Protein backbone atom coordinates (compact mmCIF):
# COMPACT_ATOMS: atom_id res chain seq x y z
CA MET A 1 4.46 0.22 10.23
CA LEU A 2 6.80 -0.71 6.84
CA ASP A 3 10.37 -0.24 6.95
CA ILE A 4 12.01 0.37 3.64
CA SER A 5 15.91 0.68 3.29
CA GLY A 6 17.30 2.04 -0.40
CA GLY A 7 21.04 2.10 -2.06
CA ALA A 8 22.80 5.45 -2.65
CA ASP A 9 21.80 5.19 -6.17
CA ALA A 10 17.51 3.19 -6.21
CA ALA A 11 15.09 5.80 -6.60
CA TYR A 12 11.63 3.77 -5.86
CA LEU A 13 7.81 4.62 -5.37
CA ILE A 14 5.60 2.99 -2.63
CA ARG A 15 2.07 2.34 -2.28
CA VAL A 16 0.07 1.33 0.24
CA ASN A 17 -3.55 -0.13 -0.86
CA GLY A 18 -2.57 2.63 -4.09
CA VAL A 19 -2.00 6.04 -1.89
CA THR A 20 2.01 7.32 -2.68
CA ARG A 21 3.61 6.33 1.11
CA SER A 22 6.73 7.94 -0.36
CA LEU A 23 8.87 8.84 -3.33
CA GLU A 24 12.37 8.97 -3.23
CA ARG A 25 15.07 9.46 -6.57
CA GLY A 26 17.71 7.99 -5.01
CA GLY A 27 21.59 10.22 -4.53
CA HIS A 28 22.11 8.94 -1.12
CA PRO A 29 21.00 5.87 0.90
CA SER A 30 17.69 5.78 2.42
CA ALA A 31 15.91 4.17 5.78
CA GLN A 32 12.20 4.93 6.12
CA SER A 33 9.48 4.08 9.13
CA LEU A 34 6.26 5.23 7.75
CA PHE A 35 3.19 4.58 9.67
CA ILE A 36 1.00 3.21 7.08
CA GLU A 37 -1.47 1.89 9.75
CA GLN A 38 -3.71 4.92 8.44
CA ASP A 39 -3.87 3.36 4.52
CA VAL A 40 -4.34 -0.33 6.51
CA LEU A 41 -7.93 -2.73 5.51
CA PRO A 42 -8.91 -4.40 7.63
CA GLY A 43 -8.21 -8.40 6.07
CA ALA A 44 -6.26 -8.18 2.57
CA ASN A 45 -3.82 -5.75 1.75
CA ARG A 46 -1.40 -4.79 -0.60
CA ILE A 47 1.86 -2.59 -0.24
CA GLU A 48 3.76 -2.22 -3.88
CA ALA A 49 6.91 -0.87 -5.06
CA TRP A 50 8.77 -0.05 -8.34
CA VAL A 51 12.67 0.90 -8.38
CA THR A 52 14.94 2.07 -10.49
CA ALA A 53 17.75 3.82 -10.73
CA ARG A 54 19.34 7.28 -9.35
CA GLY A 55 17.87 9.83 -12.44
CA GLY A 56 15.07 7.24 -12.97
CA ASP A 57 11.17 7.99 -13.15
CA PRO A 58 9.76 4.98 -10.32
CA ALA A 59 6.82 5.88 -12.08
CA GLY A 60 7.62 5.21 -15.43
CA PRO A 61 7.39 2.86 -17.82
CA ALA A 62 9.21 0.38 -18.01
CA LEU A 63 12.13 -0.40 -20.34
CA PRO A 64 16.07 -2.35 -19.81
CA LEU A 65 18.59 -1.15 -18.11
CA ARG A 66 21.60 -1.17 -21.07
CA THR A 67 24.50 -0.47 -18.49
CA PRO A 68 25.84 -2.48 -16.41
CA PRO A 69 23.60 -1.45 -12.91
CA PRO A 70 25.34 0.40 -9.55
CA ASP A 71 26.58 -1.41 -7.03
CA ALA A 72 24.24 0.13 -4.96
CA LEU A 73 20.60 -0.49 -6.59
CA ARG A 74 19.24 -2.50 -4.00
CA PHE A 75 16.02 -2.41 -2.31
CA THR A 76 14.54 -4.08 0.83
CA TRP A 77 10.85 -4.02 2.60
CA ARG A 78 8.81 -5.24 5.09
CA VAL A 79 6.30 -4.21 6.90
CA ARG A 80 5.59 -5.06 10.74
CA GLY A 81 2.61 -5.02 13.40
CA ASP A 82 2.80 -3.92 16.31
CA GLU A 83 0.51 -4.83 19.62
CA VAL A 84 0.75 -3.25 23.09
CA ARG A 85 0.13 -5.06 26.28
CA PRO A 86 -1.06 -4.20 28.97
CA GLY A 87 2.02 -4.20 31.51
CA GLU A 88 3.04 -3.31 35.58
CA GLY A 89 1.52 -0.62 36.82
CA GLY A 90 -0.55 0.19 33.27
CA GLU A 91 2.04 0.94 31.70
CA GLY A 92 2.08 -0.82 27.95
CA THR A 93 4.95 -2.64 26.55
CA VAL A 94 5.25 -2.86 22.21
CA PHE A 95 5.48 -5.91 20.67
CA MET A 96 7.00 -5.96 16.91
CA HIS A 97 5.64 -8.69 15.08
CA PRO A 98 6.80 -9.33 11.45
CA LEU A 99 4.00 -9.78 8.68
CA ALA A 100 5.81 -10.22 5.41
CA ASP A 101 8.89 -8.43 3.67
CA GLY A 102 11.45 -8.62 0.63
CA GLU A 103 14.73 -7.92 -0.80
CA TRP A 104 15.60 -7.29 -4.27
CA SER A 105 18.88 -5.08 -5.78
CA CYS A 106 19.37 -5.36 -9.48
CA VAL A 107 22.48 -7.82 -10.68
CA ALA A 108 22.82 -7.66 -14.31
CA ALA A 109 22.39 -4.73 -17.89
CA GLY A 110 19.47 -4.99 -19.12
CA GLU A 111 16.87 -5.65 -16.98
CA MET A 112 13.55 -3.91 -17.26
CA LEU A 113 14.04 -0.78 -14.89
CA PRO A 114 11.16 0.47 -12.52
CA HIS A 115 11.02 -3.28 -11.12
CA SER A 116 7.61 -3.71 -9.45
CA LEU A 117 7.09 -6.09 -6.08
CA GLU A 118 4.06 -6.30 -4.07
CA LEU A 119 3.75 -7.10 -0.40
CA ARG A 120 0.44 -8.78 0.34
CA PHE A 121 -0.71 -8.80 4.69
CA VAL A 122 -4.12 -9.86 6.26
CA ALA A 123 -4.11 -6.97 9.24
CA HIS A 124 -6.66 -9.06 11.54
CA GLY A 125 -9.02 -7.92 14.25
CA ALA A 126 -11.47 -5.02 14.18
CA PHE A 127 -11.10 -1.49 13.12
CA GLU A 128 -12.60 0.94 11.14
CA PRO A 129 -11.55 1.78 7.65
CA PRO A 130 -9.53 4.52 6.16
CA VAL A 131 -11.73 7.15 5.90
CA TRP A 132 -11.14 7.98 1.67
CA THR A 133 -13.14 4.37 1.50
CA ARG A 134 -15.88 5.69 2.24
CA ALA A 135 -15.36 8.68 -0.51
CA ASP A 136 -17.06 8.50 -3.80
CA ARG A 137 -15.58 8.12 -6.74
CA VAL A 138 -14.17 10.71 -9.23
CA ASP A 139 -12.56 11.02 -12.01
CA ALA A 140 -9.01 13.63 -12.16
CA ALA A 141 -10.37 16.12 -14.39
CA ALA A 142 -14.49 16.37 -13.58
CA VAL A 143 -12.76 17.61 -9.96
CA ARG A 144 -10.16 19.32 -10.80
CA GLU A 145 -11.78 23.61 -10.85
CA ARG A 146 -13.10 22.81 -7.50
CA VAL A 147 -10.15 21.26 -5.59
CA LEU A 148 -8.43 24.22 -6.98
CA ALA A 149 -11.26 26.81 -5.68
CA GLU A 150 -10.27 25.09 -2.08
CA VAL A 151 -7.34 25.27 -2.35
CA ALA A 152 -7.64 29.32 -3.07
CA ARG A 153 -10.12 29.19 0.17
CA LEU A 154 -7.51 27.57 2.43
CA ALA A 155 -4.56 29.16 2.04
CA ARG A 156 -7.32 33.16 2.23
CA LEU A 157 -8.24 31.94 4.67
CA LEU A 158 -4.23 30.80 6.31
CA ASP A 159 -3.36 33.90 5.01
CA GLY A 160 -5.49 35.84 7.06
CA GLY A 161 -5.38 34.34 9.82
CA GLU A 162 -8.31 32.39 10.76
CA ILE A 163 -6.25 29.68 11.45
CA GLY A 164 -9.20 27.97 13.42
CA ALA A 165 -11.45 27.81 10.28
CA PHE A 166 -8.95 26.48 8.45
CA THR A 167 -7.31 23.59 10.69
CA GLU A 168 -11.88 23.88 10.63
CA ALA A 169 -11.54 22.12 6.84
CA ALA A 170 -9.04 19.10 8.20
CA ILE A 171 -11.35 17.86 10.20
CA PRO A 172 -12.28 14.36 9.29
CA ARG A 173 -8.06 14.57 8.88
CA TYR A 174 -7.58 13.77 13.05
CA THR A 175 -10.17 12.53 13.37
CA ASP A 176 -8.74 9.75 10.83
CA ILE A 177 -5.13 9.88 12.70
CA ALA A 178 -7.29 9.07 16.09
CA ARG A 179 -8.81 6.08 14.23
CA ALA A 180 -5.15 4.47 13.62
CA LEU A 181 -3.35 5.71 16.37
CA PRO A 182 -6.43 4.49 19.34
CA GLY A 183 -4.07 5.61 22.95
CA GLY A 184 -2.99 8.83 20.94
CA PRO A 185 -4.36 12.25 20.95
CA ASP A 186 -7.82 12.10 20.74
CA PRO A 187 -8.44 14.86 17.19
CA ALA A 188 -9.20 17.89 19.23
CA THR A 189 -5.84 17.73 20.83
CA MET A 190 -4.04 17.31 16.88
CA ARG A 191 -5.78 20.40 16.37
CA ALA A 192 -4.48 22.46 19.19
CA ILE A 193 -1.81 21.73 18.80
CA ASP A 194 -1.67 21.99 14.62
CA GLU A 195 -3.27 26.02 15.52
CA ILE A 196 -1.24 26.60 17.88
CA GLU A 197 2.31 25.74 15.59
CA LEU A 198 0.49 27.80 12.31
CA GLU A 199 -0.37 30.73 14.50
CA ALA A 200 3.06 30.80 15.22
CA VAL A 201 4.85 30.24 12.03
CA ARG A 202 2.28 33.35 11.05
CA ALA A 203 3.73 34.69 13.69
CA ASP A 204 7.56 35.67 11.66
CA PRO A 205 8.42 38.52 10.09
CA ALA A 206 9.46 36.80 7.36
CA PHE A 207 6.19 34.56 6.75
CA MET A 208 4.71 34.51 3.34
CA LEU A 209 2.85 31.56 1.08
CA ALA A 210 4.43 30.78 -2.11
CA SER A 211 2.06 32.51 -4.64
CA ILE A 212 -0.16 29.99 -6.39
CA ASP A 213 -0.81 29.82 -10.15
CA PRO A 214 -3.95 27.38 -10.68
CA ALA A 215 -2.68 26.23 -14.34
CA ALA A 216 1.32 24.96 -12.97
CA MET A 217 -0.89 23.26 -10.41
CA ARG A 218 -1.05 18.61 -11.38
CA VAL A 219 -4.76 17.18 -9.70
CA ALA A 220 -4.38 13.66 -9.24
CA VAL A 221 -6.65 10.64 -8.18
CA GLU A 222 -5.08 7.58 -6.08
CA ALA A 223 -7.22 4.48 -3.95
CA SER A 224 -9.44 3.36 -7.70
CA GLY A 225 -10.03 7.29 -7.59
CA ARG A 226 -11.18 8.01 -3.96
CA LEU A 227 -8.50 9.92 -2.96
CA ILE A 228 -7.32 13.50 -4.14
CA THR A 229 -3.49 15.44 -4.31
CA CYS A 230 -3.14 18.49 -5.22
CA SER A 231 0.70 19.50 -5.65
CA ARG A 232 2.57 22.13 -7.28
CA GLY A 233 3.98 21.00 -10.92
CA ASP A 234 7.17 19.97 -9.00
CA GLY A 235 5.79 17.39 -6.82
CA THR A 236 6.26 20.35 -3.87
CA ALA A 237 2.92 20.65 -1.73
CA ALA A 238 -0.08 22.68 -3.08
CA LEU A 239 0.19 25.16 0.00
CA ARG A 240 4.07 26.52 0.70
CA ALA A 241 5.01 29.13 3.76
CA ARG A 242 8.22 30.90 3.42
CA GLN A 243 10.18 31.67 6.57
CA SER A 244 13.54 34.45 7.32
CA ARG A 245 14.55 31.52 9.32
CA GLY A 246 14.42 27.75 8.48
CA PRO A 247 13.35 25.45 5.65
CA VAL A 248 9.83 26.75 3.31
CA ILE A 249 7.67 24.89 5.11
CA ASP A 250 5.67 22.95 2.92
CA LEU A 251 1.83 22.01 3.56
CA PRO A 252 0.54 18.84 1.93
CA LEU A 253 -3.59 18.43 1.17
CA ALA A 254 -5.24 15.62 0.08
CA PHE A 255 -9.17 15.33 -0.43
CA ALA A 256 -11.58 13.03 -1.10
CA VAL A 257 -16.00 13.77 -2.10
CA ILE A 258 -17.72 12.38 1.25
CA GLY A 259 -21.73 12.97 1.05
CA GLY A 260 -21.28 14.78 -1.91
CA GLN A 261 -18.71 17.35 -0.29
CA LEU A 262 -15.38 17.88 0.06
CA ARG A 263 -13.32 17.03 2.63
CA VAL A 264 -9.52 17.53 3.88
CA VAL A 265 -8.88 13.53 4.72
CA ARG A 266 -4.94 14.20 4.45
């Protein structure tokens, strides 16, 4: 688990072993506990952060801060391991042990922003690595049309009410979550829950998928080219569903090429 706290003036980007896990633009204090087990590798692991002032781009080039820093341009983080130990009556107790931590604050004009930080830790024990580690390395431009075609296919399935076929495409995702959460729901249970929730979304009389403009879609690769992300030009999910009540529902997708096949893994 990764615990993060950012001041109201801090914008930041977090990557775990090269996989983007959080992007905050600032404007309000933030506190997150990120489930990163899905991207933890057996042995050595690296978590990176880039922190800049609110309104800046954490992924942009480093430039000197030209004004005195705001008071809330600060950032703290901690990665911890959780161990479940069996207790009486078969009930387990969760014990937390810190693995690495750090903090930073901007203290003077002239500092280079974004400021980069990293945490390194070792994950002990024998466990399967993330599904994307078995994927082929690809170039974003080379797989762009293939990814957009799959996004369009998934949109048609969802729009047409073929929920079972839609969730079938994400079986590697359910399997990988179950791998990272031993003792949690199995893949079939997770898939069944998703199908119930998606059926409820589609039952809304105002249900409508947001239109997809292929030219405006952003296809990128992470994790040394093994994980493929697809989003709209404004950074929102490729698939978005409107409903009569509540916010727009984002259905984020990430892919990997495994055994020559493009699969949904996130």
